[in-house]
Amino acid sequence: MISLGEIIEFKQKSNKKLYIILAVLLVVTLALVYINIVHSAYRKSLNLNAASIMNLEDSGYSFGKCGNNVIVCGQDGLTAIDKNGEIVWKYASQTNEPLMSAAGNYILYADLNGNKAELVTEGKCVASFSPYEIITAKVNAAGYSALAAKQRGYKSQVIVFGPKGNRVFAWHSTKYYVIDALVAPDNKSLFVSALEFDEGEGFLSKLLYFTFSSDEPNVLSAGDDNLVASLVTSGQSVLAIGNNSIYAFNKNGKKDFSIDYAGRTLQEYAVSDGVIALGLTKTSTEGSIGGSVVEMYSENGSRKGSYNTGYEIKFLDVDGKKVLVNSADGAYILSESGRLSGTLLFENEVRDGLIFSGGKKLMLINGSNVNVYDSK
């Protein structure tokens, strides 16, 4: 027979176990609540037709960022819009095929295949150039412009102008066809992406580096069969964006790092605020054939995170440690580590999107409508 003392001892042990179980459940519940509140992604439905800032008559507009503003570029000039949705300034000019490059507080507005280029800051033209048949035009954050153009008797030429319109450097090539050109952040050197024709091998991609005191370029290694289509600045480095990898170089033309796409196709890219964001197609080994992945890297090339999406990437932007990318019915807001922090839902497809400097406001473009929204 069980004694009264044994019964009491058994109940005390059972109560202790119950208290422990209840305490564990309470801790788990609080942890789940914390994760849900702090780390969960929000969902927000937005009406793109409400309070449109401006109506774009056709789809022939491009968008960029200059200082704290988003710039709308068209055949009739430039329009600057701030994060409050106000039009800050307009710059009227006429081009047949508008080409825009923006960095720092400068915008280089050019006519592709034409002979007109204008350096604009705060809505005013501070310098104008008239090269022959512009191929590409880019400006750096200090206002140094690199214009590549055709030239009679040569394959191509690149002319560099200072922020006041003074001619700094010129190079005429009988050997290379220029694809892109960019003045390095030190304002003393130039990177040029070009094609060289070889009778045996066809066109070969070349990456060239100049100092303004030299007449001949150094040929840099940017990977085998890697066609460098674009040059962009990331911090104090210049990124050579190729079809199978990215190579980063310092102001002296020395390689800093590289990012290999591992056989995937680059759909979109964005560089800002110390983050490099790449939109890549998935491979069969990653699953979800036809889907895409967004990968984020630091400005020294180390991977910070990624996010898988089942859709083709049509626009991608990064700013304020946030990443904006399209989804099937709107857009995703990601952290630089690849965590989903927000989902924006729309009735109609968004064709472009940008993040204002600081990351608290977004601009979304749907058809002819331009709208600004809070990012959360």
Protein backbone atom coordinates (compact mmCIF):
# COMPACT_ATOMS: atom_id res chain seq x y z
CA MET A 1 0.00 0.00 0.00
CA ILE A 2 1.22 3.51 -0.96
CA SER A 3 1.70 5.79 2.01
CA LEU A 4 0.46 9.38 2.27
CA GLY A 5 4.06 10.63 2.19
CA GLU A 6 4.74 8.83 -1.10
CA ILE A 7 1.61 10.37 -2.64
CA ILE A 8 2.65 13.88 -1.58
CA GLU A 9 6.19 13.35 -2.93
CA PHE A 10 4.79 12.11 -6.26
CA LYS A 11 2.50 15.17 -6.60
CA GLN A 12 5.38 17.53 -5.84
CA LYS A 13 7.53 15.93 -8.58
CA SER A 14 4.62 16.05 -11.05
CA ASN A 15 3.98 19.72 -10.28
CA LYS A 16 7.67 20.53 -10.88
CA LYS A 17 7.56 18.80 -14.26
CA LEU A 18 4.35 20.65 -15.14
CA TYR A 19 5.89 24.01 -14.20
CA ILE A 20 8.96 23.23 -16.32
CA ILE A 21 6.80 22.29 -19.32
CA LEU A 22 4.67 25.45 -18.92
CA ALA A 23 7.81 27.59 -18.64
CA VAL A 24 9.26 26.07 -21.83
CA LEU A 25 5.98 26.60 -23.69
CA LEU A 26 5.86 30.22 -22.53
CA VAL A 27 9.44 30.88 -23.73
CA VAL A 28 8.70 29.27 -27.12
CA THR A 29 5.48 31.27 -27.50
CA LEU A 30 7.22 34.54 -26.67
CA ALA A 31 10.01 33.71 -29.13
CA LEU A 32 7.51 33.01 -31.89
CA VAL A 33 5.67 36.26 -31.16
CA TYR A 34 8.97 38.18 -31.25
CA ILE A 35 9.99 36.60 -34.56
CA ASN A 36 6.57 37.29 -36.04
CA ILE A 37 6.52 40.93 -34.96
CA VAL A 38 10.13 41.89 -35.57
CA HIS A 39 11.15 39.69 -38.44
CA SER A 40 8.02 38.97 -40.44
CA ALA A 41 7.46 40.51 -43.87
CA TYR A 42 4.55 42.89 -44.25
CA ARG A 43 2.10 42.82 -47.15
CA LYS A 44 0.69 46.03 -48.56
CA SER A 45 -1.77 46.54 -51.42
CA LEU A 46 -1.18 49.76 -53.38
CA ASN A 47 -3.17 51.60 -56.02
CA LEU A 48 -0.79 52.72 -58.74
CA ASN A 49 -3.33 55.04 -60.34
CA ALA A 50 -3.75 57.21 -57.26
CA ALA A 51 -2.14 60.66 -57.21
CA SER A 52 0.23 60.02 -60.11
CA ILE A 53 3.06 62.57 -60.05
CA MET A 54 3.38 62.67 -63.82
CA ASN A 55 2.05 60.80 -66.83
CA LEU A 56 4.51 59.40 -69.34
CA GLU A 57 3.01 59.24 -72.81
CA ASP A 58 5.07 56.26 -73.95
CA SER A 59 7.51 53.69 -72.59
CA GLY A 60 10.58 55.39 -74.07
CA TYR A 61 11.67 56.84 -70.73
CA SER A 62 14.55 55.76 -68.52
CA PHE A 63 15.10 56.37 -64.82
CA GLY A 64 18.11 57.06 -62.64
CA LYS A 65 19.13 58.63 -59.36
CA CYS A 66 21.02 61.85 -58.75
CA GLY A 67 21.71 62.97 -55.19
CA ASN A 68 18.46 62.49 -53.24
CA ASN A 69 16.24 62.65 -56.32
CA VAL A 70 15.01 60.23 -58.95
CA ILE A 71 15.54 61.46 -62.53
CA VAL A 72 13.12 60.77 -65.37
CA CYS A 73 14.84 60.95 -68.76
CA GLY A 74 13.04 61.35 -72.09
CA GLN A 75 13.38 62.89 -75.51
CA ASP A 76 12.20 66.23 -74.11
CA GLY A 77 14.77 66.43 -71.31
CA LEU A 78 15.04 65.60 -67.62
CA THR A 79 12.71 65.79 -64.62
CA ALA A 80 13.87 65.50 -60.99
CA ILE A 81 11.42 64.13 -58.40
CA ASP A 82 12.12 64.12 -54.67
CA LYS A 83 11.08 61.55 -52.06
CA ASN A 84 7.94 63.56 -51.25
CA GLY A 85 6.73 63.14 -54.81
CA GLU A 86 7.39 66.77 -55.71
CA ILE A 87 8.94 67.83 -59.00
CA VAL A 88 12.10 69.66 -57.94
CA TRP A 89 13.26 70.87 -61.34
CA LYS A 90 12.94 70.29 -65.07
CA TYR A 91 15.59 70.56 -67.73
CA ALA A 92 14.26 71.03 -71.26
CA SER A 93 16.27 69.68 -74.18
CA GLN A 94 15.64 67.66 -77.33
CA THR A 95 17.20 64.33 -78.33
CA ASN A 96 16.20 61.55 -80.71
CA GLU A 97 17.64 58.69 -78.62
CA PRO A 98 18.14 59.96 -75.07
CA LEU A 99 21.04 58.50 -73.10
CA MET A 100 21.48 59.34 -69.41
CA SER A 101 24.27 58.73 -66.90
CA ALA A 102 23.93 60.02 -63.33
CA ALA A 103 26.42 60.05 -60.44
CA GLY A 104 26.80 62.28 -57.41
CA ASN A 105 25.02 65.53 -58.26
CA TYR A 106 25.77 65.31 -61.99
CA ILE A 107 23.77 64.03 -64.96
CA LEU A 108 25.21 63.53 -68.44
CA TYR A 109 22.36 63.82 -70.95
CA ALA A 110 23.32 62.74 -74.46
CA ASP A 111 21.84 61.87 -77.84
CA LEU A 112 22.84 58.33 -78.83
CA ASN A 113 24.25 58.31 -82.38
CA GLY A 114 23.96 62.09 -82.36
CA ASN A 115 26.48 64.84 -81.60
CA LYS A 116 24.98 66.44 -78.52
CA ALA A 117 25.85 65.90 -74.85
CA GLU A 118 25.09 68.16 -71.88
CA LEU A 119 26.35 68.04 -68.30
CA VAL A 120 23.51 69.01 -65.94
CA THR A 121 23.47 69.70 -62.21
CA GLU A 122 20.52 71.02 -60.18
CA GLY A 123 18.57 71.47 -63.40
CA LYS A 124 21.16 73.68 -65.09
CA CYS A 125 23.55 72.90 -67.93
CA VAL A 126 27.12 73.55 -66.78
CA ALA A 127 28.90 72.21 -69.89
CA SER A 128 28.01 70.98 -73.38
CA PHE A 129 29.95 68.83 -75.83
CA SER A 130 29.61 68.06 -79.53
CA PRO A 131 31.44 64.84 -80.40
CA TYR A 132 30.75 62.97 -83.63
CA GLU A 133 28.12 60.19 -83.38
CA ILE A 134 28.04 59.31 -79.68
CA ILE A 135 28.39 55.61 -78.83
CA THR A 136 28.17 55.92 -75.06
CA ALA A 137 28.48 58.64 -72.41
CA LYS A 138 29.14 58.34 -68.68
CA VAL A 139 29.85 60.72 -65.82
CA ASN A 140 31.42 59.99 -62.43
CA ALA A 141 30.48 61.50 -59.07
CA ALA A 142 33.00 64.35 -59.47
CA GLY A 143 31.55 65.43 -62.83
CA TYR A 144 34.21 63.94 -65.11
CA SER A 145 32.56 62.83 -68.36
CA ALA A 146 33.79 60.11 -70.70
CA LEU A 147 32.26 60.27 -74.18
CA ALA A 148 32.91 57.49 -76.68
CA ALA A 149 32.12 58.36 -80.28
CA LYS A 150 32.81 57.41 -83.84
CA GLN A 151 35.57 59.29 -85.65
CA ARG A 152 36.45 59.43 -89.32
CA GLY A 153 39.62 57.47 -89.99
CA TYR A 154 39.41 55.58 -86.68
CA LYS A 155 37.45 52.70 -85.20
CA SER A 156 36.38 54.94 -82.30
CA GLN A 157 37.51 57.64 -79.88
CA VAL A 158 37.11 58.50 -76.21
CA ILE A 159 37.23 62.09 -74.94
CA VAL A 160 37.27 63.00 -71.24
CA PHE A 161 35.96 66.36 -70.04
CA GLY A 162 36.22 67.92 -66.58
CA PRO A 163 33.21 69.22 -64.59
CA LYS A 164 33.63 72.68 -66.15
CA GLY A 165 33.75 71.34 -69.69
CA ASN A 166 37.53 71.46 -70.02
CA ARG A 167 39.07 68.74 -72.18
CA VAL A 168 41.23 66.48 -70.01
CA PHE A 169 42.14 63.49 -72.18
CA ALA A 170 41.54 62.09 -75.64
CA TRP A 171 42.28 58.73 -77.25
CA HIS A 172 41.73 57.74 -80.87
CA SER A 173 41.80 54.06 -81.75
CA THR A 174 42.53 52.33 -85.04
CA LYS A 175 42.27 48.94 -83.34
CA TYR A 176 39.37 48.85 -80.90
CA TYR A 177 35.59 49.37 -81.08
CA VAL A 178 34.54 51.03 -77.81
CA ILE A 179 31.58 49.63 -75.87
CA ASP A 180 31.78 51.68 -72.66
CA ALA A 181 34.11 54.11 -70.87
CA LEU A 182 34.28 55.48 -67.33
CA VAL A 183 36.63 57.81 -65.44
CA ALA A 184 37.87 56.20 -62.20
CA PRO A 185 36.98 57.75 -58.81
CA ASP A 186 40.48 59.32 -58.57
CA ASN A 187 39.67 61.45 -61.68
CA LYS A 188 43.12 60.60 -63.06
CA SER A 189 42.54 57.36 -64.93
CA LEU A 190 40.13 55.83 -67.43
CA PHE A 191 38.65 52.37 -67.97
CA VAL A 192 37.44 51.37 -71.43
CA SER A 193 35.56 48.26 -72.49
CA ALA A 194 36.15 47.47 -76.17
CA LEU A 195 36.08 44.85 -78.91
CA GLU A 196 39.07 43.90 -81.03
CA PHE A 197 38.56 42.05 -84.30
CA ASP A 198 40.79 39.05 -84.98
CA GLU A 199 40.53 37.35 -88.36
CA GLY A 200 41.01 33.92 -86.82
CA GLU A 201 38.87 34.29 -83.68
CA GLY A 202 36.43 37.06 -84.56
CA PHE A 203 35.64 39.77 -82.01
CA LEU A 204 37.52 39.59 -78.70
CA SER A 205 36.49 41.46 -75.57
CA LYS A 206 39.17 43.76 -74.13
CA LEU A 207 39.31 45.84 -70.98
CA LEU A 208 41.69 48.79 -71.27
CA TYR A 209 43.17 51.04 -68.59
CA PHE A 210 44.68 54.51 -69.14
CA THR A 211 46.24 57.14 -66.98
CA PHE A 212 45.75 60.65 -68.32
CA SER A 213 49.51 61.00 -68.64
CA SER A 214 49.81 57.97 -70.96
CA ASP A 215 49.02 57.57 -74.66
CA GLU A 216 48.76 53.78 -74.77
CA PRO A 217 46.51 51.58 -72.63
CA ASN A 218 47.28 48.64 -70.41
CA VAL A 219 45.16 45.59 -71.26
CA LEU A 220 43.58 44.15 -68.10
CA SER A 221 42.42 40.60 -67.53
CA ALA A 222 38.67 40.38 -67.02
CA GLY A 223 38.14 36.64 -67.52
CA ASP A 224 38.05 34.37 -70.55
CA ASP A 225 35.17 34.95 -72.99
CA ASN A 226 33.73 37.55 -70.62
CA LEU A 227 32.16 40.32 -72.69
CA VAL A 228 32.25 43.47 -70.54
CA ALA A 229 29.15 45.43 -71.48
CA SER A 230 29.12 48.04 -68.71
CA LEU A 231 31.48 49.86 -66.32
CA VAL A 232 30.20 51.20 -62.99
CA THR A 233 31.69 52.64 -59.82
CA SER A 234 31.40 50.92 -56.44
CA GLY A 235 33.09 52.87 -53.66
CA GLN A 236 36.66 53.46 -54.86
CA SER A 237 36.54 50.53 -57.30
CA VAL A 238 35.44 50.24 -60.91
CA LEU A 239 33.29 47.20 -61.71
CA ALA A 240 33.52 45.58 -65.13
CA ILE A 241 30.09 43.96 -65.61
CA GLY A 242 30.48 41.02 -67.99
CA ASN A 243 28.23 38.32 -69.38
CA ASN A 244 29.69 35.61 -67.13
CA SER A 245 31.40 37.45 -64.26
CA ILE A 246 32.18 40.78 -62.60
CA TYR A 247 35.72 42.03 -62.09
CA ALA A 248 36.57 44.88 -59.71
CA PHE A 249 39.65 47.07 -60.16
CA ASN A 250 41.23 49.81 -58.06
CA LYS A 251 42.30 53.22 -59.36
CA ASN A 252 45.65 51.77 -60.47
CA GLY A 253 44.06 49.10 -62.62
CA LYS A 254 44.83 46.29 -60.15
CA LYS A 255 42.23 43.58 -59.62
CA ASP A 256 40.42 43.76 -56.27
CA PHE A 257 38.06 40.78 -56.61
CA SER A 258 35.76 38.95 -58.98
CA ILE A 259 32.25 37.45 -58.80
CA ASP A 260 31.52 34.46 -61.04
CA TYR A 261 27.93 33.85 -62.19
CA ALA A 262 28.56 30.08 -62.17
CA GLY A 263 27.02 29.54 -65.59
CA ARG A 264 23.92 31.64 -64.89
CA THR A 265 22.69 34.56 -66.99
CA LEU A 266 22.75 38.08 -65.55
CA GLN A 267 19.30 39.66 -65.92
CA GLU A 268 19.70 42.87 -63.91
CA TYR A 269 22.17 44.46 -61.52
CA ALA A 270 22.27 47.40 -59.12
CA VAL A 271 25.13 48.99 -57.18
CA SER A 272 24.71 51.48 -54.33
CA ASP A 273 25.49 52.14 -50.68
CA GLY A 274 28.22 49.51 -50.48
CA VAL A 275 26.00 46.72 -51.85
CA ILE A 276 26.18 44.94 -55.22
CA ALA A 277 22.89 43.23 -56.13
CA LEU A 278 22.73 40.74 -59.00
CA GLY A 279 19.61 39.24 -60.59
CA LEU A 280 20.55 35.86 -62.07
CA THR A 281 18.71 32.98 -63.71
CA LYS A 282 18.66 29.75 -61.75
CA THR A 283 20.43 26.65 -62.98
CA SER A 284 18.91 23.15 -63.04
CA THR A 285 20.91 22.23 -59.92
CA GLU A 286 19.27 25.09 -57.98
CA GLY A 287 15.78 23.86 -58.85
CA SER A 288 12.80 25.87 -60.11
CA ILE A 289 13.98 25.99 -63.71
CA GLY A 290 12.94 29.32 -65.18
CA GLY A 291 13.16 31.07 -61.84
CA SER A 292 15.68 33.63 -60.67
CA VAL A 293 17.81 34.44 -57.68
CA VAL A 294 18.89 37.81 -56.27
CA GLU A 295 22.36 37.73 -54.74
CA MET A 296 23.83 40.50 -52.61
CA TYR A 297 27.56 41.19 -52.22
CA SER A 298 29.56 43.72 -50.24
CA GLU A 299 31.78 46.27 -52.00
CA ASN A 300 34.75 43.94 -51.40
CA GLY A 301 33.03 41.05 -53.17
CA SER A 302 31.99 38.91 -50.19
CA ARG A 303 28.53 37.40 -50.43
CA LYS A 304 25.99 38.85 -47.98
CA GLY A 305 22.89 36.82 -48.84
CA SER A 306 20.42 35.73 -51.52
CA TYR A 307 16.71 35.41 -52.23
CA ASN A 308 15.01 32.97 -54.62
CA THR A 309 12.17 34.10 -56.82
CA GLY A 310 10.21 32.13 -59.38
CA TYR A 311 10.02 34.98 -61.85
CA GLU A 312 12.13 36.73 -64.44
CA ILE A 313 13.80 39.78 -62.94
CA LYS A 314 12.68 42.91 -64.80
CA PHE A 315 13.90 45.59 -62.41
CA LEU A 316 16.30 45.65 -59.50
CA ASP A 317 17.52 48.47 -57.27
CA VAL A 318 19.40 48.85 -54.00
CA ASP A 319 19.74 51.75 -51.55
CA GLY A 320 19.62 52.37 -47.82
CA LYS A 321 20.54 48.70 -47.20
CA LYS A 322 17.31 47.66 -48.96
CA VAL A 323 16.79 45.80 -52.24
CA LEU A 324 13.75 46.23 -54.50
CA VAL A 325 12.88 43.57 -57.09
CA ASN A 326 9.76 42.76 -59.07
CA SER A 327 7.47 39.84 -58.25
CA ALA A 328 4.63 38.31 -60.28
CA ASP A 329 2.04 40.75 -58.93
CA GLY A 330 4.13 43.60 -57.54
CA ALA A 331 7.49 43.88 -55.86
CA TYR A 332 9.54 42.44 -53.01
CA ILE A 333 11.56 44.47 -50.52
CA LEU A 334 14.59 42.56 -49.27
CA SER A 335 17.31 43.19 -46.74
CA GLU A 336 20.92 43.09 -47.90
CA SER A 337 21.16 39.65 -46.27
CA GLY A 338 18.36 38.36 -48.49
CA ARG A 339 15.56 38.35 -45.93
CA LEU A 340 12.11 39.23 -47.26
CA SER A 341 10.98 42.32 -45.33
CA GLY A 342 8.00 43.40 -47.43
CA THR A 343 5.66 42.48 -50.27
CA LEU A 344 3.92 45.13 -52.36
CA LEU A 345 0.80 44.01 -54.24
CA PHE A 346 -0.66 45.71 -57.30
CA GLU A 347 -3.58 45.17 -59.64
CA ASN A 348 -1.41 45.97 -62.66
CA GLU A 349 2.16 45.09 -63.56
CA VAL A 350 4.92 47.44 -62.45
CA ARG A 351 7.48 47.96 -65.22
CA ASP A 352 10.15 49.72 -63.15
CA GLY A 353 10.98 50.63 -59.58
CA LEU A 354 13.62 52.58 -57.68
CA ILE A 355 14.53 53.24 -54.05
CA PHE A 356 15.18 56.81 -52.98
CA SER A 357 18.41 57.59 -51.19
CA GLY A 358 18.11 56.42 -47.58
CA GLY A 359 15.71 53.58 -48.38
CA LYS A 360 12.51 54.99 -46.85
CA LYS A 361 10.70 55.86 -50.09
CA LEU A 362 10.07 54.03 -53.37
CA MET A 363 9.19 55.19 -56.86
CA LEU A 364 7.14 52.76 -58.94
CA ILE A 365 6.28 53.11 -62.62
CA ASN A 366 3.27 51.39 -64.14
CA GLY A 367 2.52 52.21 -67.75
CA SER A 368 2.28 56.00 -67.86
CA ASN A 369 1.85 56.47 -64.10
CA VAL A 370 4.65 57.52 -61.73
CA ASN A 371 4.02 57.17 -57.99
CA VAL A 372 6.00 57.49 -54.74
CA TYR A 373 5.30 55.28 -51.72
CA ASP A 374 6.65 54.60 -48.27
CA SER A 375 8.82 51.49 -48.19
CA LYS A 376 7.00 50.39 -45.02
